[in-house]
Amino acid sequence: MKLLHCPLNGPRNISEFTYGGEVHAMPDPDACDSSEWAEYVFFDDNRAGVVTEWWCHTATSFWFLADRNTVSDEIMRTYLPAERFSGLAAAPPDGEPSS
């Protein structure tokens, strides 16, 4: 049985997860053309070596990132998206209105 370490739920059977694709920079939706947007949505680089990917623990709908070697299929590490995207806007704390 292959295990994947979920940052929220700990080690779980890989069958509990859904692959979400490679992490890559999103183009500005207001400035890009339809072919550039389609490239972002539908295509991955699919390169050999370590890539960062989106994964979801299906039972809890919890999304996280994993660094995986596509040659050996080894999961190098898993971590919260905030570790990579710390500069992005986040939801306001409980009880505070959004601006």
Protein backbone atom coordinates (compact mmCIF):
# COMPACT_ATOMS: atom_id res chain seq x y z
CA MET A 1 0.00 0.00 0.00
CA LYS A 2 1.35 3.43 -0.96
CA LEU A 3 0.99 6.16 1.67
CA LEU A 4 0.86 9.91 1.18
CA HIS A 5 1.41 12.24 4.12
CA CYS A 6 -1.40 14.79 4.35
CA PRO A 7 -0.36 17.91 6.32
CA LEU A 8 -3.79 17.89 8.00
CA ASN A 9 -4.59 14.18 8.42
CA GLY A 10 -1.19 12.49 8.53
CA PRO A 11 -0.22 9.38 6.52
CA ARG A 12 -3.15 8.04 4.48
CA ASN A 13 -3.65 5.50 1.71
CA ILE A 14 -2.96 7.12 -1.68
CA SER A 15 -6.46 6.09 -2.82
CA GLU A 16 -7.88 8.82 -0.53
CA PHE A 17 -6.29 11.56 -2.65
CA THR A 18 -7.00 13.30 -5.93
CA TYR A 19 -4.20 14.71 -8.09
CA GLY A 20 -4.76 18.38 -8.96
CA GLY A 21 -1.97 19.05 -11.46
CA GLU A 22 1.34 20.85 -11.46
CA VAL A 23 1.74 24.20 -9.75
CA HIS A 24 2.53 26.93 -12.27
CA ALA A 25 2.08 30.68 -12.42
CA MET A 26 -1.38 31.92 -13.36
CA PRO A 27 -1.47 34.54 -16.12
CA ASP A 28 -3.44 37.72 -15.57
CA PRO A 29 -6.98 36.72 -16.66
CA ASP A 30 -7.72 40.30 -17.73
CA ALA A 31 -4.59 40.66 -19.86
CA CYS A 32 -4.02 37.25 -21.46
CA ASP A 33 -5.65 35.87 -24.59
CA SER A 34 -7.74 32.69 -24.71
CA SER A 35 -4.89 30.48 -25.93
CA GLU A 36 -2.65 31.57 -23.04
CA TRP A 37 -5.49 30.94 -20.56
CA ALA A 38 -6.18 27.49 -22.09
CA GLU A 39 -2.47 26.66 -21.79
CA TYR A 40 -2.61 27.50 -18.06
CA VAL A 41 -5.83 25.55 -17.37
CA PHE A 42 -5.31 22.42 -19.46
CA PHE A 43 -1.59 21.79 -19.90
CA ASP A 44 1.28 20.85 -17.59
CA ASP A 45 5.01 20.95 -18.34
CA ASN A 46 5.22 17.18 -17.66
CA ARG A 47 8.97 17.29 -17.12
CA ALA A 48 11.12 14.59 -15.57
CA GLY A 49 12.42 15.27 -12.06
CA VAL A 50 11.03 16.97 -8.98
CA VAL A 51 7.86 18.98 -9.57
CA THR A 52 5.43 20.69 -7.21
CA GLU A 53 1.87 19.43 -7.51
CA TRP A 54 -1.56 20.10 -6.07
CA TRP A 55 -3.13 17.21 -4.13
CA CYS A 56 -6.48 16.98 -2.36
CA HIS A 57 -7.45 14.68 0.50
CA THR A 58 -10.83 13.77 -0.96
CA ALA A 59 -12.59 12.88 2.31
CA THR A 60 -11.89 16.30 3.85
CA SER A 61 -11.53 18.41 0.67
CA PHE A 62 -8.18 19.58 2.04
CA TRP A 63 -5.79 20.90 -0.64
CA PHE A 64 -2.02 20.90 -0.17
CA LEU A 65 1.23 20.82 -2.15
CA ALA A 66 3.61 17.94 -2.72
CA ASP A 67 7.08 17.89 -4.21
CA ARG A 68 7.24 14.63 -6.19
CA ASN A 69 9.97 13.09 -8.31
CA THR A 70 8.19 12.12 -11.53
CA VAL A 71 10.96 9.67 -12.47
CA SER A 72 10.90 7.58 -9.27
CA ASP A 73 7.36 8.59 -8.16
CA GLU A 74 8.83 9.39 -4.73
CA ILE A 75 7.02 12.05 -2.69
CA MET A 76 9.81 14.26 -1.38
CA ARG A 77 7.61 16.30 0.97
CA THR A 78 4.09 17.64 1.46
CA TYR A 79 3.21 21.05 2.85
CA LEU A 80 0.56 23.75 3.19
CA PRO A 81 0.04 26.14 0.26
CA ALA A 82 0.72 29.10 2.58
CA GLU A 83 4.36 28.02 2.70
CA ARG A 84 4.70 28.78 -1.02
CA PHE A 85 2.05 31.46 -1.50
CA SER A 86 2.50 33.50 1.69
CA GLY A 87 2.30 36.86 -0.13
CA LEU A 88 -1.18 36.25 -1.59
CA ALA A 89 -4.41 37.59 -0.19
CA ALA A 90 -6.02 35.40 2.43
CA ALA A 91 -9.46 35.16 3.96
CA PRO A 92 -10.03 37.64 6.79
CA PRO A 93 -9.84 36.29 10.36
CA ASP A 94 -13.12 35.10 11.88
CA GLY A 95 -15.47 37.91 12.76
CA GLU A 96 -13.78 40.55 10.63
CA PRO A 97 -15.48 41.85 7.48
CA SER A 98 -13.56 41.54 4.22
CA SER A 99 -12.48 44.79 2.59
